[in-house]
Amino acid sequence: MEDTLENLKYPIGKFQKPEPINQLQIDNWIKIIEEFPQQLTNEVKNLSEKQLNKQYRPNGWTIKQVVNHCADSHMNSFIRFKLALTENTPTIKPYHENLWAELTDSKNFPVDSALMILQGLHQRWVNLLKNLSASDLEKQFRHPESNELISLKTNIGIYAWHCQHHLAHVKKAKQSI
């Protein structure tokens, strides 16, 4: 059962950072980030309210919470990119995503506004990402929970993975509808 639960939590596996990260990899990751809002919209656009409240795993989030989480998470990531580009190795502010997912705007609110946020946010984010210089890609921020320094090029990969990770959750939940 544990293996099954782990597979449900991480249907595409956990993020694996390639070494080294080359420009082709970065370009592929940016393409994933660019296409994500439309892919997510296509997956949820015809779902009923009951279907949007389907969980992808036992005690997991609903499709609705996943969509709203993506808007929350990607807004935070965009801000982290801007902080790293404009400050010297800033320490970012973490947030309690599980608690955010329980708030009414995540749990009980239609997904339309989250999809609109993702559409506009990803347009700006992709524009920013496509225009990063080699030195910009090396800029870092510090995550206070792990004290880890994360480069922007690594964070592009993390968020490409994040897009695919949650898209897989939505598809998994839809399989049992």
N, C-alpha and C. Protein backbone atom coordinates (compact mmCIF):
# COMPACT_ATOMS: atom_id res chain seq x y z
N MET A 1 0.83 -1.21 0.00
CA MET A 1 0.00 0.00 0.00
C MET A 1 0.87 1.26 0.00
N GLU A 2 2.00 1.24 0.73
CA GLU A 2 2.87 2.42 0.81
C GLU A 2 3.43 2.77 -0.56
N ASP A 3 3.85 1.76 -1.33
CA ASP A 3 4.37 2.01 -2.67
C ASP A 3 3.29 2.63 -3.54
N THR A 4 2.08 2.15 -3.41
CA THR A 4 0.97 2.69 -4.18
C THR A 4 0.72 4.14 -3.78
N LEU A 5 0.73 4.43 -2.50
CA LEU A 5 0.52 5.79 -2.02
C LEU A 5 1.64 6.70 -2.52
N GLU A 6 2.88 6.23 -2.47
CA GLU A 6 4.01 7.01 -2.97
C GLU A 6 3.86 7.28 -4.47
N ASN A 7 3.40 6.28 -5.22
CA ASN A 7 3.17 6.47 -6.66
C ASN A 7 2.04 7.45 -6.92
N LEU A 8 1.04 7.45 -6.06
CA LEU A 8 -0.06 8.40 -6.20
C LEU A 8 0.41 9.82 -5.86
N LYS A 9 1.28 9.94 -4.86
CA LYS A 9 1.82 11.26 -4.48
C LYS A 9 2.73 11.80 -5.57
N TYR A 10 3.55 10.93 -6.14
CA TYR A 10 4.56 11.33 -7.13
C TYR A 10 4.41 10.50 -8.41
N PRO A 11 3.34 10.74 -9.16
CA PRO A 11 3.09 9.90 -10.33
C PRO A 11 4.17 9.99 -11.42
N ILE A 12 4.94 11.07 -11.44
CA ILE A 12 6.04 11.17 -12.41
C ILE A 12 7.39 11.06 -11.70
N GLY A 13 7.37 10.69 -10.42
CA GLY A 13 8.60 10.63 -9.64
C GLY A 13 8.93 11.99 -9.06
N LYS A 14 9.95 12.02 -8.23
CA LYS A 14 10.41 13.28 -7.64
C LYS A 14 11.37 13.97 -8.61
N PHE A 15 11.50 15.28 -8.44
CA PHE A 15 12.39 16.05 -9.31
C PHE A 15 13.82 15.53 -9.18
N GLN A 16 14.43 15.28 -10.32
CA GLN A 16 15.84 14.86 -10.39
C GLN A 16 16.60 15.92 -11.17
N LYS A 17 17.49 16.60 -10.47
CA LYS A 17 18.27 17.66 -11.11
C LYS A 17 19.36 17.05 -11.99
N PRO A 18 19.34 17.37 -13.28
CA PRO A 18 20.41 16.85 -14.14
C PRO A 18 21.70 17.63 -13.90
N GLU A 19 22.81 16.96 -14.10
CA GLU A 19 24.13 17.62 -14.00
C GLU A 19 24.90 17.34 -15.27
N PRO A 20 25.34 18.29 -15.97
CA PRO A 20 25.04 19.71 -15.78
C PRO A 20 23.70 20.06 -16.41
N ILE A 21 23.21 21.24 -16.10
CA ILE A 21 22.00 21.75 -16.74
C ILE A 21 22.47 22.56 -17.95
N ASN A 22 22.05 22.14 -19.15
CA ASN A 22 22.47 22.86 -20.35
C ASN A 22 21.32 23.69 -20.92
N GLN A 23 21.62 24.50 -21.91
CA GLN A 23 20.62 25.41 -22.48
C GLN A 23 19.46 24.65 -23.14
N LEU A 24 19.74 23.53 -23.76
CA LEU A 24 18.67 22.72 -24.36
C LEU A 24 17.68 22.26 -23.29
N GLN A 25 18.19 21.83 -22.15
CA GLN A 25 17.33 21.40 -21.04
C GLN A 25 16.50 22.57 -20.55
N ILE A 26 17.12 23.73 -20.38
CA ILE A 26 16.41 24.92 -19.92
C ILE A 26 15.31 25.29 -20.92
N ASP A 27 15.62 25.26 -22.21
CA ASP A 27 14.61 25.58 -23.23
C ASP A 27 13.44 24.60 -23.18
N ASN A 28 13.72 23.32 -22.97
CA ASN A 28 12.65 22.32 -22.85
C ASN A 28 11.79 22.59 -21.62
N TRP A 29 12.44 22.94 -20.51
CA TRP A 29 11.69 23.25 -19.29
C TRP A 29 10.80 24.49 -19.49
N ILE A 30 11.33 25.50 -20.14
CA ILE A 30 10.54 26.72 -20.38
C ILE A 30 9.32 26.38 -21.25
N LYS A 31 9.50 25.52 -22.22
CA LYS A 31 8.36 25.10 -23.07
C LYS A 31 7.28 24.42 -22.24
N ILE A 32 7.68 23.58 -21.30
CA ILE A 32 6.72 22.92 -20.41
C ILE A 32 5.96 23.96 -19.60
N ILE A 33 6.68 24.93 -19.05
CA ILE A 33 6.05 25.99 -18.26
C ILE A 33 5.11 26.81 -19.14
N GLU A 34 5.52 27.07 -20.37
CA GLU A 34 4.71 27.87 -21.30
C GLU A 34 3.40 27.16 -21.65
N GLU A 35 3.45 25.87 -21.84
CA GLU A 35 2.27 25.11 -22.28
C GLU A 35 1.34 24.69 -21.14
N PHE A 36 1.82 24.76 -19.92
CA PHE A 36 1.06 24.25 -18.78
C PHE A 36 -0.33 24.87 -18.62
N PRO A 37 -0.50 26.20 -18.64
CA PRO A 37 -1.86 26.73 -18.41
C PRO A 37 -2.90 26.17 -19.37
N GLN A 38 -2.54 26.05 -20.65
CA GLN A 38 -3.51 25.52 -21.62
C GLN A 38 -3.76 24.04 -21.39
N GLN A 39 -2.72 23.29 -21.07
CA GLN A 39 -2.90 21.86 -20.80
C GLN A 39 -3.80 21.65 -19.59
N LEU A 40 -3.57 22.42 -18.53
CA LEU A 40 -4.41 22.29 -17.33
C LEU A 40 -5.85 22.69 -17.63
N THR A 41 -6.02 23.78 -18.36
CA THR A 41 -7.36 24.22 -18.74
C THR A 41 -8.07 23.12 -19.53
N ASN A 42 -7.38 22.52 -20.47
CA ASN A 42 -7.98 21.45 -21.27
C ASN A 42 -8.42 20.27 -20.40
N GLU A 43 -7.67 19.98 -19.38
CA GLU A 43 -8.01 18.85 -18.50
C GLU A 43 -9.23 19.12 -17.63
N VAL A 44 -9.47 20.37 -17.25
CA VAL A 44 -10.53 20.64 -16.28
C VAL A 44 -11.74 21.39 -16.84
N LYS A 45 -11.66 21.86 -18.07
CA LYS A 45 -12.70 22.77 -18.58
C LYS A 45 -14.10 22.17 -18.64
N ASN A 46 -14.22 20.88 -18.83
CA ASN A 46 -15.55 20.28 -18.95
C ASN A 46 -15.98 19.49 -17.71
N LEU A 47 -15.25 19.67 -16.62
CA LEU A 47 -15.58 18.92 -15.40
C LEU A 47 -16.69 19.60 -14.61
N SER A 48 -17.56 18.80 -14.04
CA SER A 48 -18.62 19.31 -13.18
C SER A 48 -18.03 19.66 -11.81
N GLU A 49 -18.83 20.32 -11.01
CA GLU A 49 -18.39 20.67 -9.65
C GLU A 49 -18.06 19.40 -8.86
N LYS A 50 -18.88 18.38 -9.02
CA LYS A 50 -18.63 17.11 -8.33
C LYS A 50 -17.30 16.51 -8.78
N GLN A 51 -17.04 16.55 -10.07
CA GLN A 51 -15.79 16.01 -10.60
C GLN A 51 -14.58 16.82 -10.14
N LEU A 52 -14.72 18.14 -10.06
CA LEU A 52 -13.63 19.00 -9.58
C LEU A 52 -13.30 18.72 -8.11
N ASN A 53 -14.23 18.13 -7.40
CA ASN A 53 -14.00 17.80 -5.99
C ASN A 53 -13.50 16.37 -5.80
N LYS A 54 -13.10 15.73 -6.88
CA LYS A 54 -12.53 14.38 -6.83
C LYS A 54 -11.06 14.48 -6.40
N GLN A 55 -10.66 13.61 -5.48
CA GLN A 55 -9.27 13.57 -5.01
C GLN A 55 -8.44 12.66 -5.91
N TYR A 56 -7.16 12.98 -6.05
CA TYR A 56 -6.27 12.14 -6.86
C TYR A 56 -5.68 10.99 -6.06
N ARG A 57 -5.81 11.05 -4.73
CA ARG A 57 -5.36 9.96 -3.86
C ARG A 57 -6.12 10.09 -2.54
N PRO A 58 -6.18 9.00 -1.76
CA PRO A 58 -6.83 9.09 -0.45
C PRO A 58 -6.15 10.16 0.41
N ASN A 59 -6.95 10.99 1.02
CA ASN A 59 -6.49 12.10 1.87
C ASN A 59 -5.66 13.13 1.10
N GLY A 60 -5.80 13.13 -0.22
CA GLY A 60 -5.10 14.11 -1.05
C GLY A 60 -6.01 15.27 -1.40
N TRP A 61 -5.46 16.20 -2.15
CA TRP A 61 -6.23 17.35 -2.58
C TRP A 61 -7.21 16.96 -3.68
N THR A 62 -8.23 17.78 -3.82
CA THR A 62 -9.16 17.63 -4.93
C THR A 62 -8.55 18.27 -6.17
N ILE A 63 -9.14 17.99 -7.31
CA ILE A 63 -8.70 18.64 -8.55
C ILE A 63 -8.76 20.15 -8.36
N LYS A 64 -9.83 20.63 -7.76
CA LYS A 64 -10.00 22.07 -7.53
C LYS A 64 -8.85 22.62 -6.69
N GLN A 65 -8.49 21.93 -5.63
CA GLN A 65 -7.38 22.38 -4.78
C GLN A 65 -6.05 22.35 -5.54
N VAL A 66 -5.86 21.35 -6.38
CA VAL A 66 -4.62 21.26 -7.17
C VAL A 66 -4.51 22.47 -8.10
N VAL A 67 -5.59 22.79 -8.80
CA VAL A 67 -5.57 23.92 -9.73
C VAL A 67 -5.28 25.22 -8.97
N ASN A 68 -5.97 25.43 -7.87
CA ASN A 68 -5.74 26.65 -7.09
C ASN A 68 -4.35 26.67 -6.47
N HIS A 69 -3.85 25.51 -6.06
CA HIS A 69 -2.48 25.41 -5.54
C HIS A 69 -1.47 25.83 -6.61
N CYS A 70 -1.68 25.40 -7.83
CA CYS A 70 -0.74 25.77 -8.90
C CYS A 70 -0.68 27.29 -9.06
N ALA A 71 -1.82 27.96 -9.00
CA ALA A 71 -1.81 29.43 -9.08
C ALA A 71 -1.02 30.01 -7.91
N ASP A 72 -1.28 29.53 -6.70
CA ASP A 72 -0.56 30.02 -5.52
C ASP A 72 0.95 29.77 -5.64
N SER A 73 1.31 28.55 -5.97
CA SER A 73 2.70 28.15 -6.03
C SER A 73 3.45 28.90 -7.13
N HIS A 74 2.85 29.03 -8.28
CA HIS A 74 3.53 29.66 -9.39
C HIS A 74 3.65 31.16 -9.20
N MET A 75 2.69 31.79 -8.50
CA MET A 75 2.85 33.20 -8.14
C MET A 75 4.05 33.36 -7.21
N ASN A 76 4.16 32.48 -6.23
CA ASN A 76 5.29 32.53 -5.31
C ASN A 76 6.60 32.33 -6.06
N SER A 77 6.64 31.39 -6.98
CA SER A 77 7.87 31.13 -7.72
C SER A 77 8.26 32.33 -8.58
N PHE A 78 7.31 32.94 -9.25
CA PHE A 78 7.58 34.11 -10.08
C PHE A 78 8.22 35.21 -9.23
N ILE A 79 7.68 35.43 -8.06
CA ILE A 79 8.22 36.44 -7.15
C ILE A 79 9.63 36.05 -6.71
N ARG A 80 9.87 34.77 -6.46
CA ARG A 80 11.21 34.32 -6.07
C ARG A 80 12.22 34.58 -7.19
N PHE A 81 11.82 34.37 -8.44
CA PHE A 81 12.69 34.70 -9.57
C PHE A 81 13.04 36.18 -9.56
N LYS A 82 12.02 37.01 -9.38
CA LYS A 82 12.27 38.46 -9.40
C LYS A 82 13.15 38.89 -8.23
N LEU A 83 12.95 38.29 -7.07
CA LEU A 83 13.81 38.60 -5.93
C LEU A 83 15.26 38.23 -6.24
N ALA A 84 15.47 37.03 -6.78
CA ALA A 84 16.83 36.58 -7.08
C ALA A 84 17.48 37.45 -8.16
N LEU A 85 16.69 37.99 -9.07
CA LEU A 85 17.23 38.83 -10.13
C LEU A 85 17.54 40.25 -9.67
N THR A 86 16.92 40.67 -8.57
CA THR A 86 17.07 42.06 -8.15
C THR A 86 17.74 42.24 -6.79
N GLU A 87 18.01 41.14 -6.10
CA GLU A 87 18.67 41.20 -4.80
C GLU A 87 19.84 40.21 -4.80
N ASN A 88 20.74 40.39 -3.87
CA ASN A 88 21.91 39.52 -3.77
C ASN A 88 21.58 38.30 -2.91
N THR A 89 21.33 37.18 -3.53
CA THR A 89 21.02 35.90 -2.88
C THR A 89 20.01 36.08 -1.74
N PRO A 90 18.79 36.49 -2.09
CA PRO A 90 17.78 36.70 -1.05
C PRO A 90 17.34 35.40 -0.40
N THR A 91 16.91 35.51 0.83
CA THR A 91 16.24 34.40 1.51
C THR A 91 14.76 34.56 1.22
N ILE A 92 14.17 33.57 0.60
CA ILE A 92 12.76 33.68 0.20
C ILE A 92 11.86 33.35 1.39
N LYS A 93 10.62 33.71 1.27
CA LYS A 93 9.63 33.43 2.30
C LYS A 93 8.88 32.17 1.91
N PRO A 94 8.99 31.12 2.73
CA PRO A 94 8.18 29.93 2.44
C PRO A 94 6.72 30.18 2.83
N TYR A 95 5.87 29.29 2.41
CA TYR A 95 4.46 29.38 2.80
C TYR A 95 3.96 27.97 3.06
N HIS A 96 2.89 27.87 3.81
CA HIS A 96 2.32 26.57 4.19
C HIS A 96 1.28 26.17 3.15
N GLU A 97 1.75 25.51 2.08
CA GLU A 97 0.86 25.19 0.97
C GLU A 97 -0.31 24.33 1.39
N ASN A 98 -0.11 23.42 2.34
CA ASN A 98 -1.23 22.59 2.79
C ASN A 98 -2.30 23.41 3.49
N LEU A 99 -1.89 24.42 4.25
CA LEU A 99 -2.87 25.30 4.89
C LEU A 99 -3.54 26.20 3.86
N TRP A 100 -2.77 26.69 2.89
CA TRP A 100 -3.35 27.52 1.83
C TRP A 100 -4.41 26.72 1.07
N ALA A 101 -4.17 25.44 0.85
CA ALA A 101 -5.10 24.60 0.10
C ALA A 101 -6.42 24.38 0.84
N GLU A 102 -6.42 24.63 2.14
CA GLU A 102 -7.64 24.48 2.93
C GLU A 102 -8.44 25.78 3.03
N LEU A 103 -7.87 26.88 2.58
CA LEU A 103 -8.60 28.16 2.61
C LEU A 103 -9.73 28.13 1.58
N THR A 104 -10.75 28.92 1.82
CA THR A 104 -11.94 28.89 0.98
C THR A 104 -11.66 29.20 -0.49
N ASP A 105 -10.68 30.07 -0.77
CA ASP A 105 -10.40 30.40 -2.17
C ASP A 105 -9.72 29.25 -2.91
N SER A 106 -9.23 28.26 -2.17
CA SER A 106 -8.65 27.07 -2.80
C SER A 106 -9.61 25.89 -2.80
N LYS A 107 -10.33 25.76 -1.72
CA LYS A 107 -11.16 24.57 -1.51
C LYS A 107 -12.57 24.71 -2.06
N ASN A 108 -13.12 25.92 -1.99
CA ASN A 108 -14.55 26.10 -2.30
C ASN A 108 -14.81 27.08 -3.43
N PHE A 109 -13.79 27.56 -4.08
CA PHE A 109 -13.95 28.59 -5.10
C PHE A 109 -13.75 27.99 -6.48
N PRO A 110 -14.52 28.44 -7.47
CA PRO A 110 -14.35 27.90 -8.83
C PRO A 110 -12.90 28.07 -9.32
N VAL A 111 -12.50 27.20 -10.23
CA VAL A 111 -11.12 27.21 -10.73
C VAL A 111 -10.87 28.25 -11.82
N ASP A 112 -11.92 28.88 -12.33
CA ASP A 112 -11.76 29.81 -13.46
C ASP A 112 -10.75 30.91 -13.17
N SER A 113 -10.81 31.51 -12.00
CA SER A 113 -9.88 32.61 -11.71
C SER A 113 -8.45 32.09 -11.58
N ALA A 114 -8.25 30.90 -11.02
CA ALA A 114 -6.90 30.33 -10.93
C ALA A 114 -6.35 30.06 -12.33
N LEU A 115 -7.20 29.59 -13.24
CA LEU A 115 -6.76 29.34 -14.62
C LEU A 115 -6.39 30.65 -15.31
N MET A 116 -7.16 31.71 -15.05
CA MET A 116 -6.83 33.02 -15.62
C MET A 116 -5.51 33.55 -15.05
N ILE A 117 -5.32 33.37 -13.75
CA ILE A 117 -4.06 33.77 -13.12
C ILE A 117 -2.90 33.03 -13.79
N LEU A 118 -3.04 31.72 -13.93
CA LEU A 118 -1.97 30.93 -14.54
C LEU A 118 -1.69 31.37 -15.97
N GLN A 119 -2.73 31.67 -16.73
CA GLN A 119 -2.54 32.09 -18.12
C GLN A 119 -1.72 33.37 -18.18
N GLY A 120 -2.13 34.39 -17.47
CA GLY A 120 -1.41 35.66 -17.49
C GLY A 120 -0.04 35.57 -16.84
N LEU A 121 0.03 34.89 -15.72
CA LEU A 121 1.29 34.75 -15.00
C LEU A 121 2.32 34.02 -15.84
N HIS A 122 1.92 32.93 -16.47
CA HIS A 122 2.86 32.15 -17.27
C HIS A 122 3.33 32.92 -18.50
N GLN A 123 2.48 33.77 -19.06
CA GLN A 123 2.91 34.60 -20.19
C GLN A 123 4.06 35.51 -19.75
N ARG A 124 3.88 36.17 -18.61
CA ARG A 124 4.94 37.06 -18.10
C ARG A 124 6.16 36.28 -17.68
N TRP A 125 5.95 35.15 -16.99
CA TRP A 125 7.03 34.33 -16.48
C TRP A 125 7.89 33.79 -17.62
N VAL A 126 7.25 33.28 -18.66
CA VAL A 126 7.98 32.73 -19.80
C VAL A 126 8.77 33.84 -20.50
N ASN A 127 8.17 35.02 -20.62
CA ASN A 127 8.91 36.13 -21.21
C ASN A 127 10.17 36.42 -20.40
N LEU A 128 10.04 36.43 -19.09
CA LEU A 128 11.19 36.65 -18.22
C LEU A 128 12.22 35.54 -18.39
N LEU A 129 11.77 34.30 -18.38
CA LEU A 129 12.68 33.15 -18.47
C LEU A 129 13.43 33.13 -19.80
N LYS A 130 12.73 33.43 -20.88
CA LYS A 130 13.37 33.40 -22.20
C LYS A 130 14.42 34.50 -22.37
N ASN A 131 14.39 35.49 -21.51
CA ASN A 131 15.31 36.61 -21.62
C ASN A 131 16.38 36.64 -20.54
N LEU A 132 16.51 35.54 -19.80
CA LEU A 132 17.57 35.47 -18.79
C LEU A 132 18.92 35.24 -19.45
N SER A 133 19.91 35.95 -18.98
CA SER A 133 21.27 35.75 -19.48
C SER A 133 21.89 34.56 -18.76
N ALA A 134 23.05 34.14 -19.24
CA ALA A 134 23.78 33.04 -18.59
C ALA A 134 24.08 33.40 -17.14
N SER A 135 24.44 34.63 -16.88
CA SER A 135 24.73 35.03 -15.49
C SER A 135 23.46 35.10 -14.65
N ASP A 136 22.33 35.49 -15.27
CA ASP A 136 21.05 35.49 -14.55
C ASP A 136 20.69 34.08 -14.10
N LEU A 137 20.91 33.11 -14.97
CA LEU A 137 20.56 31.72 -14.66
C LEU A 137 21.34 31.18 -13.46
N GLU A 138 22.49 31.76 -13.19
CA GLU A 138 23.32 31.33 -12.05
C GLU A 138 22.92 32.00 -10.74
N LYS A 139 22.11 33.05 -10.82
CA LYS A 139 21.68 33.74 -9.59
C LYS A 139 20.89 32.77 -8.73
N GLN A 140 20.94 33.02 -7.43
CA GLN A 140 20.36 32.07 -6.48
C GLN A 140 19.49 32.78 -5.43
N PHE A 141 18.66 31.97 -4.80
CA PHE A 141 17.97 32.39 -3.58
C PHE A 141 18.18 31.30 -2.55
N ARG A 142 18.00 31.66 -1.31
CA ARG A 142 18.15 30.70 -0.21
C ARG A 142 16.76 30.32 0.29
N HIS A 143 16.55 29.02 0.42
CA HIS A 143 15.30 28.53 1.00
C HIS A 143 15.53 28.33 2.50
N PRO A 144 14.82 29.06 3.35
CA PRO A 144 15.13 29.04 4.78
C PRO A 144 14.84 27.71 5.48
N GLU A 145 13.94 26.90 4.93
CA GLU A 145 13.62 25.63 5.60
C GLU A 145 14.76 24.63 5.48
N SER A 146 15.45 24.63 4.34
CA SER A 146 16.55 23.70 4.12
C SER A 146 17.91 24.39 4.14
N ASN A 147 17.89 25.72 4.12
CA ASN A 147 19.09 26.55 4.02
C ASN A 147 19.82 26.32 2.69
N GLU A 148 19.14 25.70 1.74
CA GLU A 148 19.72 25.38 0.45
C GLU A 148 19.72 26.61 -0.46
N LEU A 149 20.80 26.76 -1.22
CA LEU A 149 20.86 27.77 -2.27
C LEU A 149 20.33 27.13 -3.54
N ILE A 150 19.36 27.79 -4.18
CA ILE A 150 18.75 27.26 -5.39
C ILE A 150 18.98 28.26 -6.52
N SER A 151 19.62 27.80 -7.59
CA SER A 151 19.87 28.67 -8.74
C SER A 151 18.58 28.81 -9.54
N LEU A 152 18.52 29.89 -10.30
CA LEU A 152 17.34 30.09 -11.15
C LEU A 152 17.23 29.00 -12.21
N LYS A 153 18.37 28.54 -12.74
CA LYS A 153 18.27 27.47 -13.75
C LYS A 153 17.72 26.19 -13.13
N THR A 154 18.08 25.89 -11.88
CA THR A 154 17.50 24.73 -11.20
C THR A 154 16.03 24.95 -10.93
N ASN A 155 15.67 26.16 -10.54
CA ASN A 155 14.27 26.44 -10.22
C ASN A 155 13.38 26.36 -11.45
N ILE A 156 13.92 26.67 -12.62
CA ILE A 156 13.15 26.47 -13.86
C ILE A 156 12.80 24.99 -13.98
N GLY A 157 13.77 24.13 -13.72
CA GLY A 157 13.53 22.68 -13.78
C GLY A 157 12.54 22.22 -12.74
N ILE A 158 12.67 22.75 -11.53
CA ILE A 158 11.74 22.38 -10.46
C ILE A 158 10.31 22.72 -10.85
N TYR A 159 10.12 23.88 -11.46
CA TYR A 159 8.76 24.28 -11.80
C TYR A 159 8.24 23.63 -13.08
N ALA A 160 9.11 23.25 -13.99
CA ALA A 160 8.66 22.42 -15.11
C ALA A 160 8.16 21.09 -14.56
N TRP A 161 8.94 20.52 -13.62
CA TRP A 161 8.53 19.28 -12.96
C TRP A 161 7.20 19.50 -12.24
N HIS A 162 7.08 20.62 -11.53
CA HIS A 162 5.87 20.93 -10.76
C HIS A 162 4.64 20.95 -11.68
N CYS A 163 4.79 21.54 -12.85
CA CYS A 163 3.69 21.57 -13.82
C CYS A 163 3.27 20.15 -14.20
N GLN A 164 4.24 19.33 -14.56
CA GLN A 164 3.94 17.96 -14.99
C GLN A 164 3.42 17.11 -13.83
N HIS A 165 3.95 17.33 -12.65
CA HIS A 165 3.56 16.62 -11.43
C HIS A 165 2.06 16.82 -11.16
N HIS A 166 1.62 18.07 -11.17
CA HIS A 166 0.22 18.32 -10.85
C HIS A 166 -0.71 18.04 -12.03
N LEU A 167 -0.22 18.16 -13.24
CA LEU A 167 -1.02 17.75 -14.39
C LEU A 167 -1.30 16.25 -14.29
N ALA A 168 -0.30 15.48 -13.87
CA ALA A 168 -0.49 14.03 -13.68
C ALA A 168 -1.49 13.76 -12.56
N HIS A 169 -1.50 14.57 -11.51
CA HIS A 169 -2.49 14.40 -10.44
C HIS A 169 -3.91 14.57 -10.98
N VAL A 170 -4.10 15.61 -11.78
CA VAL A 170 -5.43 15.87 -12.34
C VAL A 170 -5.85 14.71 -13.24
N LYS A 171 -4.95 14.27 -14.09
CA LYS A 171 -5.27 13.15 -14.99
C LYS A 171 -5.58 11.89 -14.20
N LYS A 172 -4.84 11.64 -13.11
CA LYS A 172 -5.08 10.47 -12.26
C LYS A 172 -6.48 10.56 -11.63
N ALA A 173 -6.82 11.72 -11.12
CA ALA A 173 -8.14 11.89 -10.50
C ALA A 173 -9.26 11.68 -11.53
N LYS A 174 -9.05 12.13 -12.73
CA LYS A 174 -10.06 11.99 -13.78
C LYS A 174 -10.28 10.53 -14.18
N GLN A 175 -9.27 9.68 -14.00
CA GLN A 175 -9.40 8.27 -14.37
C GLN A 175 -10.48 7.56 -13.56
N SER A 176 -10.76 8.08 -12.37
CA SER A 176 -11.75 7.41 -11.52
C SER A 176 -13.08 8.16 -11.50
N ILE A 177 -13.26 9.06 -12.45
CA ILE A 177 -14.54 9.81 -12.53
C ILE A 177 -15.53 9.02 -13.36
